[in-house]
Structure formats: C-alpha cells, structure tokens
Amino acid sequence: MRCPKCGCQDDKVIDSRASREGAAVRRRRECLKCSHRFTTYEQIEQQTLMVLKRDGRREEFAQEKLLNGIRKACQKRPISPEAIEQAVERITADLHDRYDGEVSCVAIGERVMEELRALDAVAYVRFASVYRRFEEATDFVQAVKKLEVRRDTATYRLPGF
C-alpha cells in the first residue's frame, strides 16, 4: 500500500478488524519511511453490474452515483451520513444478490424508493418526484397518499368515562 504522505510502498499493519458489519476489513497502517499512520479498507470485489438505462444504453453500476442521488434526496433532513451510507450498502448488496450481470434502472429506482420510504417520508417524495418525473401537483399528492398508514378510526369508550 502506498503511503498517502510520502508515497513509499513499505508499511506495516498495526491493527486489523472487521468493519461495515463484516463486509470489509479495516487496517491501520504505518509507513516505515515517514511513520505516517493511515487507514485502508479491504472488501470483496463484486462482479461488475451493468445498468440498462431507459433509452437502451448500458453503463456500469456506480455506487457513488447512487450515494449522491440519495444524499440529494436527504438534504436538510435529520438523517445521519452513516444512515445514508448503510442504506446505499444495503441497496448495493441487494442488487448484487438479485441480479447477475445486468439490472434495469427501474429496478434500482424502485429499490431506492423502498429504502427511502423506510428512512424518511420527505426524502422518499423528493426522490420519487425526480425518478417518476412528476409534472403536476396531483402527482405529489398521490405519492404522499401512498405514505399514509390506514388507521382504525373507531372510538372506544375508556373505562370510567
């Protein structure tokens, strides 16, 4: 591993431990030339997943692109960066488990909306408005209505009243 400070390739591993719920190994390293300490992560290399776009093009799946889209939907919401990163990791792992080699952009969008719906209602509607290309206010109203939980409206008399 190349030292980020001096570029030397000689280092020693000081500490190793499981990270990201066992999906990666975190290693603390120390450069043998300049004694700079830095952290690296080792993880299983996934098979390349190709995304089939709406216009028929294919492009390589980019987790960073997914992360940026979800961050934008969650902007100015009370959602921690860790929660967003965990959601992206769950989505990515799920896509790699379900699809071999190719996945449609529709499947990715639906999976993201499923994750955002559980995370934050406003982020869900924001993402849905872009993903589903809302053009009218009624489109927003329909998306919000899907979020509503049906509640039993029966009123029961409490004992003693």
N, C-alpha and C. Protein backbone atom coordinates (compact mmCIF):
# COMPACT_ATOMS: atom_id res chain seq x y z
N MET A 1 0.85 -1.18 0.00
CA MET A 1 0.00 0.00 0.00
C MET A 1 0.89 1.23 0.00
N ARG A 2 0.56 2.19 -0.83
CA ARG A 2 1.37 3.41 -0.96
C ARG A 2 0.97 4.42 0.12
N CYS A 3 1.96 4.97 0.81
CA CYS A 3 1.73 5.97 1.86
C CYS A 3 1.15 7.24 1.22
N PRO A 4 0.04 7.77 1.75
CA PRO A 4 -0.55 8.97 1.17
C PRO A 4 0.29 10.23 1.41
N LYS A 5 1.23 10.16 2.36
CA LYS A 5 2.05 11.33 2.67
C LYS A 5 3.34 11.38 1.84
N CYS A 6 4.09 10.27 1.81
CA CYS A 6 5.39 10.29 1.13
C CYS A 6 5.46 9.40 -0.11
N GLY A 7 4.45 8.52 -0.30
CA GLY A 7 4.43 7.68 -1.49
C GLY A 7 5.19 6.37 -1.36
N CYS A 8 5.84 6.15 -0.24
CA CYS A 8 6.60 4.93 -0.01
C CYS A 8 5.65 3.73 0.02
N GLN A 9 6.11 2.59 -0.50
CA GLN A 9 5.26 1.40 -0.53
C GLN A 9 5.54 0.44 0.61
N ASP A 10 6.46 0.79 1.50
CA ASP A 10 6.77 -0.07 2.63
C ASP A 10 6.00 0.40 3.86
N ASP A 11 5.16 -0.48 4.39
CA ASP A 11 4.41 -0.15 5.59
C ASP A 11 4.20 -1.40 6.41
N LYS A 12 3.70 -1.20 7.62
CA LYS A 12 3.34 -2.35 8.45
C LYS A 12 1.92 -2.15 8.95
N VAL A 13 1.20 -3.27 9.11
CA VAL A 13 -0.16 -3.23 9.60
C VAL A 13 -0.10 -3.21 11.13
N ILE A 14 -0.71 -2.20 11.73
CA ILE A 14 -0.71 -2.06 13.19
C ILE A 14 -1.93 -2.76 13.80
N ASP A 15 -3.07 -2.64 13.10
CA ASP A 15 -4.31 -3.19 13.64
C ASP A 15 -5.23 -3.59 12.49
N SER A 16 -5.93 -4.71 12.64
CA SER A 16 -6.93 -5.17 11.67
C SER A 16 -8.19 -5.54 12.42
N ARG A 17 -9.33 -5.14 11.86
CA ARG A 17 -10.60 -5.53 12.47
C ARG A 17 -11.70 -5.50 11.42
N ALA A 18 -12.76 -6.26 11.69
CA ALA A 18 -13.91 -6.30 10.79
C ALA A 18 -14.61 -4.95 10.83
N SER A 19 -15.15 -4.54 9.70
CA SER A 19 -15.84 -3.27 9.59
C SER A 19 -17.06 -3.44 8.71
N ARG A 20 -17.96 -2.47 8.77
CA ARG A 20 -19.17 -2.47 7.93
C ARG A 20 -19.92 -3.79 8.03
N GLU A 21 -20.18 -4.19 9.27
CA GLU A 21 -20.92 -5.42 9.57
C GLU A 21 -20.28 -6.65 8.93
N GLY A 22 -18.96 -6.70 8.93
CA GLY A 22 -18.24 -7.86 8.41
C GLY A 22 -18.02 -7.85 6.91
N ALA A 23 -18.48 -6.80 6.22
CA ALA A 23 -18.33 -6.73 4.77
C ALA A 23 -16.95 -6.23 4.34
N ALA A 24 -16.18 -5.73 5.29
CA ALA A 24 -14.86 -5.19 4.97
C ALA A 24 -13.92 -5.41 6.15
N VAL A 25 -12.63 -5.27 5.87
CA VAL A 25 -11.61 -5.34 6.91
C VAL A 25 -10.93 -3.98 6.95
N ARG A 26 -10.91 -3.38 8.14
CA ARG A 26 -10.27 -2.08 8.35
C ARG A 26 -8.86 -2.35 8.85
N ARG A 27 -7.88 -1.73 8.21
CA ARG A 27 -6.49 -1.91 8.62
C ARG A 27 -5.85 -0.55 8.91
N ARG A 28 -5.22 -0.44 10.09
CA ARG A 28 -4.42 0.74 10.41
C ARG A 28 -2.99 0.40 10.01
N ARG A 29 -2.37 1.27 9.26
CA ARG A 29 -1.03 1.03 8.75
C ARG A 29 -0.10 2.17 9.16
N GLU A 30 1.20 1.83 9.20
CA GLU A 30 2.20 2.85 9.50
C GLU A 30 3.30 2.74 8.45
N CYS A 31 3.61 3.88 7.82
CA CYS A 31 4.67 3.93 6.82
C CYS A 31 6.01 3.70 7.51
N LEU A 32 6.84 2.84 6.93
CA LEU A 32 8.14 2.55 7.53
C LEU A 32 9.17 3.65 7.25
N LYS A 33 8.87 4.52 6.27
CA LYS A 33 9.81 5.59 5.93
C LYS A 33 9.54 6.86 6.76
N CYS A 34 8.27 7.31 6.76
CA CYS A 34 7.97 8.60 7.42
C CYS A 34 7.14 8.44 8.70
N SER A 35 6.75 7.24 9.04
CA SER A 35 5.96 6.93 10.25
C SER A 35 4.54 7.50 10.24
N HIS A 36 4.08 7.93 9.07
CA HIS A 36 2.70 8.41 8.94
C HIS A 36 1.73 7.23 9.08
N ARG A 37 0.65 7.43 9.85
CA ARG A 37 -0.35 6.38 10.03
C ARG A 37 -1.56 6.69 9.16
N PHE A 38 -2.11 5.63 8.54
CA PHE A 38 -3.28 5.79 7.69
C PHE A 38 -4.13 4.53 7.74
N THR A 39 -5.38 4.65 7.28
CA THR A 39 -6.34 3.56 7.34
C THR A 39 -6.69 3.10 5.94
N THR A 40 -6.78 1.78 5.75
CA THR A 40 -7.25 1.23 4.48
C THR A 40 -8.38 0.25 4.77
N TYR A 41 -9.20 0.01 3.76
CA TYR A 41 -10.30 -0.94 3.87
C TYR A 41 -10.15 -1.97 2.77
N GLU A 42 -10.38 -3.22 3.12
CA GLU A 42 -10.32 -4.32 2.17
C GLU A 42 -11.70 -4.93 2.12
N GLN A 43 -12.23 -5.11 0.90
CA GLN A 43 -13.54 -5.72 0.78
C GLN A 43 -13.58 -6.63 -0.45
N ILE A 44 -14.58 -7.48 -0.49
CA ILE A 44 -14.74 -8.41 -1.61
C ILE A 44 -15.08 -7.63 -2.86
N GLU A 45 -14.41 -7.95 -3.93
CA GLU A 45 -14.68 -7.28 -5.20
C GLU A 45 -15.89 -7.94 -5.84
N GLN A 46 -16.91 -7.13 -6.08
CA GLN A 46 -18.15 -7.63 -6.66
C GLN A 46 -18.01 -7.72 -8.18
N GLN A 47 -18.80 -8.64 -8.75
CA GLN A 47 -18.87 -8.74 -10.21
C GLN A 47 -19.43 -7.43 -10.74
N THR A 48 -18.94 -6.97 -11.86
CA THR A 48 -19.42 -5.73 -12.45
C THR A 48 -20.89 -5.89 -12.82
N LEU A 49 -21.67 -4.94 -12.38
CA LEU A 49 -23.10 -4.93 -12.65
C LEU A 49 -23.36 -3.84 -13.68
N MET A 50 -24.02 -4.18 -14.76
CA MET A 50 -24.35 -3.21 -15.79
C MET A 50 -25.79 -2.74 -15.60
N VAL A 51 -26.01 -1.44 -15.80
CA VAL A 51 -27.34 -0.86 -15.64
C VAL A 51 -27.92 -0.62 -17.03
N LEU A 52 -29.12 -1.16 -17.25
CA LEU A 52 -29.84 -0.96 -18.51
C LEU A 52 -30.69 0.30 -18.35
N LYS A 53 -30.32 1.35 -19.08
CA LYS A 53 -30.99 2.64 -18.97
C LYS A 53 -32.30 2.63 -19.75
N ARG A 54 -33.15 3.64 -19.51
CA ARG A 54 -34.45 3.71 -20.18
C ARG A 54 -34.33 3.83 -21.69
N ASP A 55 -33.26 4.48 -22.16
CA ASP A 55 -33.09 4.66 -23.62
C ASP A 55 -32.37 3.49 -24.28
N GLY A 56 -32.12 2.41 -23.52
CA GLY A 56 -31.49 1.22 -24.09
C GLY A 56 -29.98 1.15 -23.90
N ARG A 57 -29.36 2.26 -23.48
CA ARG A 57 -27.91 2.24 -23.24
C ARG A 57 -27.60 1.40 -22.02
N ARG A 58 -26.36 0.95 -21.95
CA ARG A 58 -25.88 0.22 -20.78
C ARG A 58 -24.68 0.97 -20.23
N GLU A 59 -24.65 1.07 -18.90
CA GLU A 59 -23.48 1.68 -18.26
C GLU A 59 -23.18 0.93 -16.98
N GLU A 60 -21.95 1.01 -16.54
CA GLU A 60 -21.52 0.31 -15.34
C GLU A 60 -22.19 0.90 -14.10
N PHE A 61 -22.64 0.02 -13.21
CA PHE A 61 -23.25 0.47 -11.96
C PHE A 61 -22.22 1.24 -11.15
N ALA A 62 -22.61 2.42 -10.67
CA ALA A 62 -21.71 3.26 -9.89
C ALA A 62 -22.35 3.54 -8.53
N GLN A 63 -21.78 2.95 -7.50
CA GLN A 63 -22.29 3.13 -6.15
C GLN A 63 -22.22 4.60 -5.74
N GLU A 64 -21.22 5.31 -6.20
CA GLU A 64 -21.07 6.73 -5.88
C GLU A 64 -22.24 7.54 -6.44
N LYS A 65 -22.70 7.17 -7.63
CA LYS A 65 -23.84 7.86 -8.24
C LYS A 65 -25.11 7.62 -7.41
N LEU A 66 -25.27 6.40 -6.94
CA LEU A 66 -26.39 6.05 -6.08
C LEU A 66 -26.33 6.85 -4.77
N LEU A 67 -25.16 6.91 -4.18
CA LEU A 67 -24.95 7.65 -2.94
C LEU A 67 -25.28 9.13 -3.12
N ASN A 68 -24.84 9.72 -4.22
CA ASN A 68 -25.11 11.14 -4.48
C ASN A 68 -26.61 11.40 -4.64
N GLY A 69 -27.31 10.52 -5.33
CA GLY A 69 -28.75 10.68 -5.51
C GLY A 69 -29.51 10.62 -4.20
N ILE A 70 -29.11 9.68 -3.34
CA ILE A 70 -29.78 9.53 -2.05
C ILE A 70 -29.42 10.71 -1.14
N ARG A 71 -28.17 11.15 -1.18
CA ARG A 71 -27.77 12.33 -0.39
C ARG A 71 -28.59 13.55 -0.78
N LYS A 72 -28.80 13.72 -2.07
CA LYS A 72 -29.57 14.87 -2.55
C LYS A 72 -31.01 14.79 -2.05
N ALA A 73 -31.60 13.61 -2.07
CA ALA A 73 -32.98 13.44 -1.59
C ALA A 73 -33.07 13.68 -0.08
N CYS A 74 -32.00 13.38 0.64
CA CYS A 74 -31.99 13.51 2.10
C CYS A 74 -31.45 14.85 2.59
N GLN A 75 -31.13 15.74 1.66
CA GLN A 75 -30.56 17.03 2.01
C GLN A 75 -31.48 17.80 2.97
N LYS A 76 -30.88 18.37 4.00
CA LYS A 76 -31.58 19.17 5.02
C LYS A 76 -32.65 18.37 5.76
N ARG A 77 -32.44 17.07 5.88
CA ARG A 77 -33.32 16.20 6.64
C ARG A 77 -32.53 15.65 7.81
N PRO A 78 -33.19 15.25 8.89
CA PRO A 78 -32.46 14.74 10.07
C PRO A 78 -32.00 13.30 9.89
N ILE A 79 -31.18 13.07 8.88
CA ILE A 79 -30.68 11.73 8.57
C ILE A 79 -29.15 11.79 8.60
N SER A 80 -28.55 10.91 9.38
CA SER A 80 -27.10 10.93 9.51
C SER A 80 -26.42 10.40 8.24
N PRO A 81 -25.21 10.87 7.97
CA PRO A 81 -24.46 10.35 6.83
C PRO A 81 -24.25 8.83 6.93
N GLU A 82 -24.11 8.33 8.16
CA GLU A 82 -23.92 6.89 8.36
C GLU A 82 -25.17 6.12 7.93
N ALA A 83 -26.35 6.65 8.24
CA ALA A 83 -27.60 6.00 7.85
C ALA A 83 -27.74 5.97 6.33
N ILE A 84 -27.32 7.04 5.68
CA ILE A 84 -27.37 7.09 4.21
C ILE A 84 -26.42 6.07 3.62
N GLU A 85 -25.19 6.01 4.15
CA GLU A 85 -24.20 5.05 3.64
C GLU A 85 -24.65 3.61 3.87
N GLN A 86 -25.26 3.34 5.01
CA GLN A 86 -25.77 2.00 5.28
C GLN A 86 -26.90 1.63 4.31
N ALA A 87 -27.75 2.60 4.01
CA ALA A 87 -28.83 2.36 3.05
C ALA A 87 -28.25 2.03 1.68
N VAL A 88 -27.24 2.77 1.26
CA VAL A 88 -26.59 2.52 -0.03
C VAL A 88 -25.95 1.13 -0.05
N GLU A 89 -25.31 0.76 1.04
CA GLU A 89 -24.69 -0.58 1.12
C GLU A 89 -25.75 -1.67 1.05
N ARG A 90 -26.90 -1.48 1.72
CA ARG A 90 -27.99 -2.47 1.66
C ARG A 90 -28.53 -2.59 0.24
N ILE A 91 -28.74 -1.46 -0.41
CA ILE A 91 -29.25 -1.47 -1.78
C ILE A 91 -28.27 -2.16 -2.72
N THR A 92 -27.00 -1.79 -2.62
CA THR A 92 -25.97 -2.37 -3.48
C THR A 92 -25.87 -3.88 -3.27
N ALA A 93 -25.84 -4.31 -2.03
CA ALA A 93 -25.76 -5.75 -1.74
C ALA A 93 -26.97 -6.48 -2.28
N ASP A 94 -28.14 -5.88 -2.11
CA ASP A 94 -29.38 -6.49 -2.60
C ASP A 94 -29.36 -6.62 -4.12
N LEU A 95 -28.91 -5.58 -4.81
CA LEU A 95 -28.85 -5.63 -6.28
C LEU A 95 -27.88 -6.71 -6.75
N HIS A 96 -26.72 -6.81 -6.09
CA HIS A 96 -25.74 -7.84 -6.47
C HIS A 96 -26.27 -9.24 -6.18
N ASP A 97 -27.08 -9.38 -5.12
CA ASP A 97 -27.66 -10.69 -4.80
C ASP A 97 -28.74 -11.09 -5.80
N ARG A 98 -29.57 -10.13 -6.20
CA ARG A 98 -30.72 -10.42 -7.06
C ARG A 98 -30.40 -10.53 -8.54
N TYR A 99 -29.41 -9.78 -9.00
CA TYR A 99 -29.16 -9.69 -10.44
C TYR A 99 -27.75 -10.16 -10.79
N ASP A 100 -27.66 -10.89 -11.87
CA ASP A 100 -26.37 -11.36 -12.36
C ASP A 100 -26.00 -10.60 -13.62
N GLY A 101 -25.08 -9.69 -13.49
CA GLY A 101 -24.54 -9.01 -14.66
C GLY A 101 -25.28 -7.77 -15.10
N GLU A 102 -26.63 -7.77 -15.07
CA GLU A 102 -27.37 -6.63 -15.60
C GLU A 102 -28.63 -6.37 -14.77
N VAL A 103 -28.91 -5.10 -14.53
CA VAL A 103 -30.09 -4.68 -13.78
C VAL A 103 -30.68 -3.45 -14.46
N SER A 104 -32.01 -3.36 -14.49
CA SER A 104 -32.64 -2.20 -15.12
C SER A 104 -32.61 -1.01 -14.16
N CYS A 105 -32.60 0.17 -14.72
CA CYS A 105 -32.63 1.38 -13.89
C CYS A 105 -33.94 1.45 -13.12
N VAL A 106 -34.99 0.85 -13.65
CA VAL A 106 -36.29 0.83 -12.96
C VAL A 106 -36.18 0.03 -11.67
N ALA A 107 -35.51 -1.13 -11.71
CA ALA A 107 -35.34 -1.95 -10.51
C ALA A 107 -34.53 -1.20 -9.45
N ILE A 108 -33.52 -0.47 -9.89
CA ILE A 108 -32.70 0.30 -8.95
C ILE A 108 -33.55 1.41 -8.32
N GLY A 109 -34.28 2.14 -9.13
CA GLY A 109 -35.12 3.22 -8.63
C GLY A 109 -36.17 2.74 -7.64
N GLU A 110 -36.80 1.62 -7.94
CA GLU A 110 -37.82 1.07 -7.04
C GLU A 110 -37.18 0.64 -5.71
N ARG A 111 -35.99 0.06 -5.78
CA ARG A 111 -35.30 -0.38 -4.56
C ARG A 111 -34.89 0.82 -3.71
N VAL A 112 -34.45 1.90 -4.36
CA VAL A 112 -34.08 3.11 -3.64
C VAL A 112 -35.32 3.71 -2.96
N MET A 113 -36.43 3.74 -3.67
CA MET A 113 -37.65 4.31 -3.08
C MET A 113 -38.12 3.46 -1.90
N GLU A 114 -37.97 2.17 -1.99
CA GLU A 114 -38.32 1.28 -0.87
C GLU A 114 -37.48 1.61 0.37
N GLU A 115 -36.20 1.82 0.15
CA GLU A 115 -35.28 2.14 1.25
C GLU A 115 -35.58 3.53 1.83
N LEU A 116 -35.81 4.52 0.95
CA LEU A 116 -36.09 5.87 1.41
C LEU A 116 -37.43 5.96 2.12
N ARG A 117 -38.38 5.17 1.69
CA ARG A 117 -39.70 5.18 2.34
C ARG A 117 -39.56 4.79 3.81
N ALA A 118 -38.69 3.82 4.08
CA ALA A 118 -38.46 3.39 5.46
C ALA A 118 -37.60 4.39 6.23
N LEU A 119 -36.78 5.15 5.52
CA LEU A 119 -35.84 6.08 6.15
C LEU A 119 -36.47 7.44 6.48
N ASP A 120 -37.15 8.04 5.48
CA ASP A 120 -37.69 9.39 5.67
C ASP A 120 -38.72 9.68 4.59
N ALA A 121 -39.91 10.07 4.99
CA ALA A 121 -41.01 10.30 4.04
C ALA A 121 -40.71 11.45 3.07
N VAL A 122 -40.11 12.52 3.57
CA VAL A 122 -39.82 13.67 2.70
C VAL A 122 -38.76 13.29 1.66
N ALA A 123 -37.73 12.58 2.08
CA ALA A 123 -36.69 12.12 1.15
C ALA A 123 -37.30 11.20 0.09
N TYR A 124 -38.24 10.37 0.52
CA TYR A 124 -38.92 9.46 -0.41
C TYR A 124 -39.66 10.27 -1.48
N VAL A 125 -40.43 11.27 -1.07
CA VAL A 125 -41.20 12.07 -2.03
C VAL A 125 -40.27 12.86 -2.95
N ARG A 126 -39.19 13.40 -2.39
CA ARG A 126 -38.20 14.12 -3.22
C ARG A 126 -37.64 13.21 -4.31
N PHE A 127 -37.20 12.02 -3.90
CA PHE A 127 -36.61 11.10 -4.87
C PHE A 127 -37.67 10.68 -5.89
N ALA A 128 -38.86 10.35 -5.41
CA ALA A 128 -39.93 9.90 -6.31
C ALA A 128 -40.28 10.98 -7.33
N SER A 129 -40.24 12.26 -6.91
CA SER A 129 -40.59 13.34 -7.83
C SER A 129 -39.62 13.43 -9.01
N VAL A 130 -38.36 13.14 -8.77
CA VAL A 130 -37.37 13.15 -9.84
C VAL A 130 -37.43 11.84 -10.62
N TYR A 131 -37.45 10.73 -9.90
CA TYR A 131 -37.42 9.42 -10.53
C TYR A 131 -38.66 9.17 -11.40
N ARG A 132 -39.81 9.54 -10.88
CA ARG A 132 -41.06 9.30 -11.62
C ARG A 132 -41.45 10.50 -12.49
N ARG A 133 -40.61 11.52 -12.49
CA ARG A 133 -40.79 12.69 -13.34
C ARG A 133 -42.15 13.35 -13.12
N PHE A 134 -42.42 13.73 -11.88
CA PHE A 134 -43.67 14.39 -11.56
C PHE A 134 -43.78 15.68 -12.37
N GLU A 135 -44.96 15.91 -12.93
CA GLU A 135 -45.16 17.12 -13.71
C GLU A 135 -46.27 17.99 -13.14
N GLU A 136 -47.14 17.41 -12.31
CA GLU A 136 -48.25 18.16 -11.77
C GLU A 136 -48.35 17.94 -10.26
N ALA A 137 -49.06 18.82 -9.60
CA ALA A 137 -49.23 18.72 -8.15
C ALA A 137 -49.95 17.43 -7.76
N THR A 138 -50.83 16.96 -8.61
CA THR A 138 -51.56 15.72 -8.30
C THR A 138 -50.61 14.53 -8.18
N ASP A 139 -49.51 14.57 -8.91
CA ASP A 139 -48.51 13.50 -8.81
C ASP A 139 -47.91 13.46 -7.40
N PHE A 140 -47.66 14.64 -6.83
CA PHE A 140 -47.14 14.72 -5.46
C PHE A 140 -48.17 14.20 -4.47
N VAL A 141 -49.42 14.61 -4.66
CA VAL A 141 -50.49 14.21 -3.75
C VAL A 141 -50.62 12.68 -3.74
N GLN A 142 -50.57 12.07 -4.90
CA GLN A 142 -50.66 10.60 -4.98
C GLN A 142 -49.50 9.93 -4.27
N ALA A 143 -48.29 10.47 -4.41
CA ALA A 143 -47.12 9.89 -3.73
C ALA A 143 -47.25 10.00 -2.22
N VAL A 144 -47.77 11.14 -1.74
CA VAL A 144 -47.94 11.32 -0.29
C VAL A 144 -49.03 10.39 0.22
N LYS A 145 -50.10 10.22 -0.54
CA LYS A 145 -51.19 9.32 -0.12
C LYS A 145 -50.70 7.89 0.04
N LYS A 146 -49.73 7.49 -0.77
CA LYS A 146 -49.17 6.14 -0.66
C LYS A 146 -48.43 5.96 0.66
N LEU A 147 -47.96 7.07 1.23
CA LEU A 147 -47.24 7.01 2.50
C LEU A 147 -48.17 6.90 3.70
N GLU A 148 -49.40 7.35 3.53
CA GLU A 148 -50.33 7.35 4.65
C GLU A 148 -50.61 5.93 5.13
N VAL A 149 -50.62 5.78 6.44
CA VAL A 149 -50.93 4.49 7.04
C VAL A 149 -52.40 4.51 7.42
N ARG A 150 -53.11 3.52 6.99
CA ARG A 150 -54.52 3.43 7.33
C ARG A 150 -54.65 3.21 8.83
N ARG A 151 -55.45 4.05 9.47
CA ARG A 151 -55.64 3.93 10.91
C ARG A 151 -57.10 3.59 11.19
N ASP A 152 -57.31 2.82 12.21
CA ASP A 152 -58.66 2.48 12.64
C ASP A 152 -59.26 3.73 13.28
N THR A 153 -60.37 4.20 12.75
CA THR A 153 -60.96 5.44 13.25
C THR A 153 -62.05 5.20 14.29
N ALA A 154 -62.27 3.94 14.64
CA ALA A 154 -63.29 3.65 15.65
C ALA A 154 -62.86 4.25 16.99
N THR A 155 -63.81 4.83 17.70
CA THR A 155 -63.53 5.42 19.00
C THR A 155 -64.09 4.51 20.07
N TYR A 156 -63.26 4.13 20.99
CA TYR A 156 -63.66 3.25 22.08
C TYR A 156 -63.79 4.06 23.35
N ARG A 157 -64.82 3.74 24.11
CA ARG A 157 -65.06 4.44 25.37
C ARG A 157 -64.09 3.86 26.41
N LEU A 158 -63.37 4.73 27.09
CA LEU A 158 -62.45 4.30 28.13
C LEU A 158 -63.22 3.99 29.41
N PRO A 159 -62.78 3.01 30.18
CA PRO A 159 -63.47 2.69 31.43
C PRO A 159 -63.49 3.89 32.36
N GLY A 160 -64.65 4.11 32.99
CA GLY A 160 -64.76 5.19 33.95
C GLY A 160 -65.17 6.51 33.36
N PHE A 161 -65.31 6.62 32.03
CA PHE A 161 -65.69 7.89 31.40
C PHE A 161 -67.07 7.79 30.79
